[in-house]
Amino acid sequence: MQTYEFEGQHVPVVSDENGEPWFVATNVASILGYRMASDMTRRLDEDEKGTRSVRTPGGPQMASVISEAGLFAAILGSRVEGAKRFKRWVTHDVLPQIRKTGSYGTPALSGPELMAAALIEAQATLARHEATVRELTPRAEAWDALADTAGDYSMRDAAQILSRDHGIDIGQNRLAKYLREIAWVDSHAIPYQRQIDVGRLRSRARYYTHARTGERVLADPQIRITPKGVEELRRLLTEPPQEAS
């Protein structure tokens, strides 16, 4: 677990077995203006929230946590005023470094900006809207914010983000199948080079430790979908089907 600081508030972040960040819900809820963490987490899908062991002054304790996709969903429901002046700093400087190295490159700025980036990027466009408007107009604005965000998403998180659109209902497995159907990846789920070249997909190397030999072995790469790729998938999944002539 790493504990970061955002505008004077601590943000503990833990990583799962795949290296994906999970944010301690109590701290995120405070930053996003929810009265209680449960008010925030009850809005999330089951796979966007969970519990993890975190270090506390009294020793390890189980804490409620939310995933990156869960954080994005929580932001959409928040009324907190965003710090728009930080937007470009986080999305064009800090977040790309976190995605590449797992932490920011200078001592004064480190991993918490992953959480801050999502807060600033989405909240800056969604603040000042009333509840009814938040269900409609901000969704388009959130997609614009997403398209301007650096980094990439796992297949699961990309599917969850796509499903925020009222016209899309897709899960991780169906998204993987769809990528094969539209020839973004081959039958072995390896991205075609053209999709990497145009900035829609990335391929992240993965390793595991061999149970018998203890050697570090290269596994099949993990597909990562960029914000540009998510936006293109959204267009493909929502455009009307072409009528046969």
Protein backbone atom coordinates (compact mmCIF):
# COMPACT_ATOMS: atom_id res chain seq x y z
CA MET A 1 0.00 0.00 0.00
CA GLN A 2 1.10 3.55 -0.74
CA THR A 3 -0.40 6.62 0.90
CA TYR A 4 -0.40 9.84 -1.10
CA GLU A 5 -1.62 13.35 -0.44
CA PHE A 6 -4.10 15.30 -2.53
CA GLU A 7 -4.82 18.87 -1.41
CA GLY A 8 -3.94 18.00 2.18
CA GLN A 9 -5.96 14.77 2.31
CA HIS A 10 -4.41 11.31 2.43
CA VAL A 11 -5.24 8.88 -0.38
CA PRO A 12 -4.20 5.26 0.35
CA VAL A 13 -3.86 3.14 -2.81
CA VAL A 14 -3.38 -0.64 -2.89
CA SER A 15 -2.60 -2.82 -5.91
CA ASP A 16 -4.23 -6.15 -6.73
CA GLU A 17 -2.48 -9.23 -8.12
CA ASN A 18 -2.59 -7.72 -11.63
CA GLY A 19 -1.05 -4.43 -10.54
CA GLU A 20 -4.33 -2.51 -10.89
CA PRO A 21 -4.86 0.31 -8.37
CA TRP A 22 -7.67 0.21 -5.78
CA PHE A 23 -8.48 3.35 -3.81
CA VAL A 24 -9.58 3.32 -0.15
CA ALA A 25 -13.24 4.33 -0.33
CA THR A 26 -13.41 6.38 2.87
CA ASN A 27 -10.73 8.79 1.68
CA VAL A 28 -12.10 9.06 -1.86
CA ALA A 29 -15.62 9.68 -0.54
CA SER A 30 -14.32 12.55 1.59
CA ILE A 31 -12.55 14.15 -1.37
CA LEU A 32 -15.58 13.76 -3.66
CA GLY A 33 -17.99 15.18 -1.09
CA TYR A 34 -20.01 12.08 -0.21
CA ARG A 35 -21.42 12.08 3.34
CA MET A 36 -20.31 8.48 3.90
CA ALA A 37 -18.29 5.98 1.88
CA SER A 38 -21.36 3.73 1.71
CA ASP A 39 -23.29 6.52 -0.04
CA MET A 40 -20.67 6.34 -2.78
CA THR A 41 -20.09 2.58 -3.02
CA ARG A 42 -23.77 1.62 -3.16
CA ARG A 43 -23.92 3.32 -6.57
CA LEU A 44 -21.15 1.12 -7.98
CA ASP A 45 -21.29 -2.28 -9.68
CA GLU A 46 -20.11 -5.25 -7.65
CA ASP A 47 -16.84 -5.60 -9.57
CA GLU A 48 -16.06 -1.92 -9.06
CA LYS A 49 -15.79 -2.27 -5.29
CA GLY A 50 -14.41 -4.69 -2.75
CA THR A 51 -12.29 -4.98 0.37
CA ARG A 52 -8.53 -5.11 0.81
CA SER A 53 -6.18 -5.30 3.76
CA VAL A 54 -4.59 -1.92 4.47
CA ARG A 55 -2.03 -0.77 7.01
CA THR A 56 -3.33 1.42 9.83
CA PRO A 57 -1.74 2.74 13.05
CA GLY A 58 -3.51 -0.11 14.85
CA GLY A 59 -2.22 -2.75 12.44
CA PRO A 60 -3.63 -4.33 9.24
CA GLN A 61 -7.38 -3.89 8.78
CA MET A 62 -9.86 -4.71 6.04
CA ALA A 63 -11.06 -1.57 4.26
CA SER A 64 -13.61 -0.84 1.56
CA VAL A 65 -11.89 -0.02 -1.75
CA ILE A 66 -12.96 0.95 -5.28
CA SER A 67 -11.32 0.23 -8.62
CA GLU A 68 -10.23 2.78 -11.23
CA ALA A 69 -13.52 2.27 -13.07
CA GLY A 70 -15.36 2.62 -9.77
CA LEU A 71 -13.53 5.85 -9.12
CA PHE A 72 -14.63 7.16 -12.52
CA ALA A 73 -18.25 6.24 -11.71
CA ALA A 74 -18.04 7.89 -8.29
CA ILE A 75 -16.73 11.06 -9.90
CA LEU A 76 -19.72 11.20 -12.25
CA GLY A 77 -22.04 11.26 -9.25
CA SER A 78 -20.11 13.85 -7.25
CA ARG A 79 -21.02 17.52 -6.91
CA VAL A 80 -17.61 18.69 -5.70
CA GLU A 81 -16.12 21.65 -7.56
CA GLY A 82 -13.13 20.44 -9.57
CA ALA A 83 -9.72 22.08 -9.66
CA LYS A 84 -9.66 22.80 -13.37
CA ARG A 85 -6.27 24.50 -13.26
CA PHE A 86 -4.69 21.12 -12.45
CA LYS A 87 -6.24 19.35 -15.44
CA ARG A 88 -3.51 19.77 -18.00
CA TRP A 89 -0.75 19.24 -15.41
CA VAL A 90 -2.18 15.89 -14.31
CA THR A 91 -3.32 14.49 -17.65
CA HIS A 92 -0.32 15.53 -19.75
CA ASP A 93 2.49 15.19 -17.22
CA VAL A 94 1.73 13.14 -14.12
CA LEU A 95 -0.64 10.45 -15.43
CA PRO A 96 1.53 9.35 -18.38
CA GLN A 97 4.46 8.88 -16.00
CA ILE A 98 2.35 6.81 -13.60
CA ARG A 99 1.20 4.56 -16.44
CA LYS A 100 4.77 3.97 -17.58
CA THR A 101 6.58 3.57 -14.27
CA GLY A 102 3.98 3.13 -11.53
CA SER A 103 4.95 6.43 -9.88
CA TYR A 104 5.63 10.00 -10.78
CA GLY A 105 9.18 10.85 -11.74
CA THR A 106 9.98 13.51 -9.12
CA PRO A 107 10.03 13.15 -5.31
CA ALA A 108 7.43 15.83 -4.70
CA LEU A 109 4.82 14.24 -6.97
CA SER A 110 3.94 10.56 -6.89
CA GLY A 111 1.20 8.00 -7.48
CA PRO A 112 -1.80 9.82 -5.94
CA GLU A 113 -2.14 11.82 -9.09
CA LEU A 114 -3.75 8.76 -10.68
CA MET A 115 -6.75 9.42 -8.45
CA ALA A 116 -6.41 13.19 -8.79
CA ALA A 117 -6.29 12.92 -12.57
CA ALA A 118 -9.62 11.16 -12.76
CA LEU A 119 -11.16 13.63 -10.31
CA ILE A 120 -9.94 16.69 -12.15
CA GLU A 121 -10.52 15.38 -15.67
CA ALA A 122 -14.11 14.38 -15.17
CA GLN A 123 -15.25 16.72 -12.42
CA ALA A 124 -14.11 19.90 -14.17
CA THR A 125 -16.71 19.26 -16.89
CA LEU A 126 -19.47 17.95 -14.63
CA ALA A 127 -19.53 20.51 -11.78
CA ARG A 128 -22.40 23.00 -11.46
CA HIS A 129 -24.97 20.67 -13.07
CA GLU A 130 -28.13 19.66 -11.23
CA ALA A 131 -29.14 16.02 -10.78
CA THR A 132 -31.31 15.74 -13.89
CA VAL A 133 -28.78 17.39 -16.14
CA ARG A 134 -26.03 15.19 -14.69
CA GLU A 135 -27.79 12.14 -16.11
CA LEU A 136 -27.74 13.55 -19.65
CA THR A 137 -25.38 16.30 -20.80
CA PRO A 138 -22.39 15.46 -18.60
CA ARG A 139 -22.14 12.01 -20.15
CA ALA A 140 -21.10 13.55 -23.44
CA GLU A 141 -18.74 15.90 -21.62
CA ALA A 142 -17.26 13.00 -19.69
CA TRP A 143 -16.50 11.25 -22.97
CA ASP A 144 -14.71 14.38 -24.18
CA ALA A 145 -12.70 14.40 -20.94
CA LEU A 146 -11.91 10.71 -21.33
CA ALA A 147 -10.66 11.20 -24.88
CA ASP A 148 -8.20 13.82 -23.61
CA THR A 149 -6.86 11.59 -20.82
CA ALA A 150 -3.46 9.94 -21.08
CA GLY A 151 -2.82 6.30 -20.21
CA ASP A 152 -4.76 3.15 -21.00
CA TYR A 153 -7.32 0.74 -19.56
CA SER A 154 -7.60 -2.98 -18.92
CA MET A 155 -10.24 -4.89 -20.88
CA ARG A 156 -12.47 -5.02 -17.80
CA ASP A 157 -12.22 -1.31 -17.03
CA ALA A 158 -12.75 -0.35 -20.69
CA ALA A 159 -15.92 -2.47 -20.80
CA GLN A 160 -17.20 -0.81 -17.63
CA ILE A 161 -16.50 2.67 -18.98
CA LEU A 162 -18.22 1.85 -22.29
CA SER A 163 -21.26 0.54 -20.42
CA ARG A 164 -21.72 3.97 -18.83
CA ASP A 165 -23.24 4.94 -22.17
CA HIS A 166 -26.98 4.23 -22.12
CA GLY A 167 -26.75 2.64 -25.57
CA ILE A 168 -24.01 0.12 -24.69
CA ASP A 169 -24.23 -3.05 -22.62
CA ILE A 170 -20.98 -4.97 -22.84
CA GLY A 171 -18.79 -7.00 -20.51
CA GLN A 172 -15.14 -7.99 -20.57
CA ASN A 173 -15.68 -11.26 -22.49
CA ARG A 174 -18.00 -9.74 -25.07
CA LEU A 175 -15.59 -6.86 -25.59
CA ALA A 176 -12.74 -9.33 -26.19
CA LYS A 177 -14.90 -11.14 -28.77
CA TYR A 178 -15.85 -7.85 -30.41
CA LEU A 179 -12.20 -6.82 -30.78
CA ARG A 180 -11.64 -10.03 -32.75
CA GLU A 181 -14.72 -9.39 -34.89
CA ILE A 182 -13.56 -5.91 -35.89
CA ALA A 183 -9.99 -7.15 -36.49
CA TRP A 184 -8.28 -5.17 -33.76
CA VAL A 185 -6.75 -8.37 -32.35
CA ASP A 186 -6.04 -11.81 -33.81
CA SER A 187 -7.53 -15.14 -32.74
CA HIS A 188 -4.95 -15.36 -29.95
CA ALA A 189 -5.94 -11.91 -28.60
CA ILE A 190 -2.70 -10.33 -29.84
CA PRO A 191 -3.21 -6.72 -31.02
CA TYR A 192 -2.59 -6.08 -34.70
CA GLN A 193 0.28 -3.67 -35.21
CA ARG A 194 -1.87 -1.16 -37.08
CA GLN A 195 -4.13 -0.69 -34.04
CA ILE A 196 -1.05 -0.02 -31.93
CA ASP A 197 0.37 2.37 -34.53
CA VAL A 198 -2.83 4.45 -34.67
CA GLY A 199 -2.96 4.64 -30.88
CA ARG A 200 -6.06 2.54 -30.12
CA LEU A 201 -4.38 -0.39 -28.37
CA ARG A 202 -1.25 -1.07 -26.36
CA SER A 203 0.38 -4.34 -25.38
CA ARG A 204 1.78 -4.69 -21.87
CA ALA A 205 4.30 -7.43 -21.09
CA ARG A 206 3.41 -9.75 -18.22
CA TYR A 207 5.54 -12.19 -16.26
CA TYR A 208 4.95 -14.99 -13.78
CA THR A 209 7.19 -17.09 -11.58
CA HIS A 210 7.43 -20.75 -12.65
CA ALA A 211 6.17 -22.94 -9.79
CA ARG A 212 8.91 -25.56 -10.11
CA THR A 213 11.96 -23.67 -11.36
CA GLY A 214 11.30 -20.31 -9.73
CA GLU A 215 12.27 -18.62 -12.99
CA ARG A 216 10.58 -15.45 -14.18
CA VAL A 217 8.69 -16.41 -17.35
CA LEU A 218 7.20 -14.13 -20.00
CA ALA A 219 3.44 -14.70 -20.28
CA ASP A 220 1.02 -13.65 -23.02
CA PRO A 221 0.85 -9.84 -23.21
CA GLN A 222 -2.07 -7.96 -21.70
CA ILE A 223 -4.21 -5.90 -24.07
CA ARG A 224 -4.60 -2.29 -22.95
CA ILE A 225 -7.15 0.02 -24.60
CA THR A 226 -6.27 3.70 -24.88
CA PRO A 227 -8.79 6.53 -24.40
CA LYS A 228 -8.69 6.97 -28.19
CA GLY A 229 -9.55 3.29 -28.56
CA VAL A 230 -12.40 3.54 -26.04
CA GLU A 231 -13.86 6.51 -27.89
CA GLU A 232 -13.66 4.66 -31.24
CA LEU A 233 -15.29 1.57 -29.71
CA ARG A 234 -18.05 3.75 -28.33
CA ARG A 235 -18.66 5.15 -31.82
CA LEU A 236 -18.72 1.68 -33.38
CA LEU A 237 -21.02 0.25 -30.73
CA THR A 238 -23.56 3.08 -30.89
CA GLU A 239 -23.69 3.93 -34.59
CA PRO A 240 -26.79 2.62 -36.43
CA PRO A 241 -26.21 -0.63 -38.34
CA GLN A 242 -25.69 -0.26 -42.07
CA GLU A 243 -28.67 -1.42 -44.11
CA ALA A 244 -27.95 -3.95 -46.83
CA SER A 245 -28.37 -2.47 -50.30
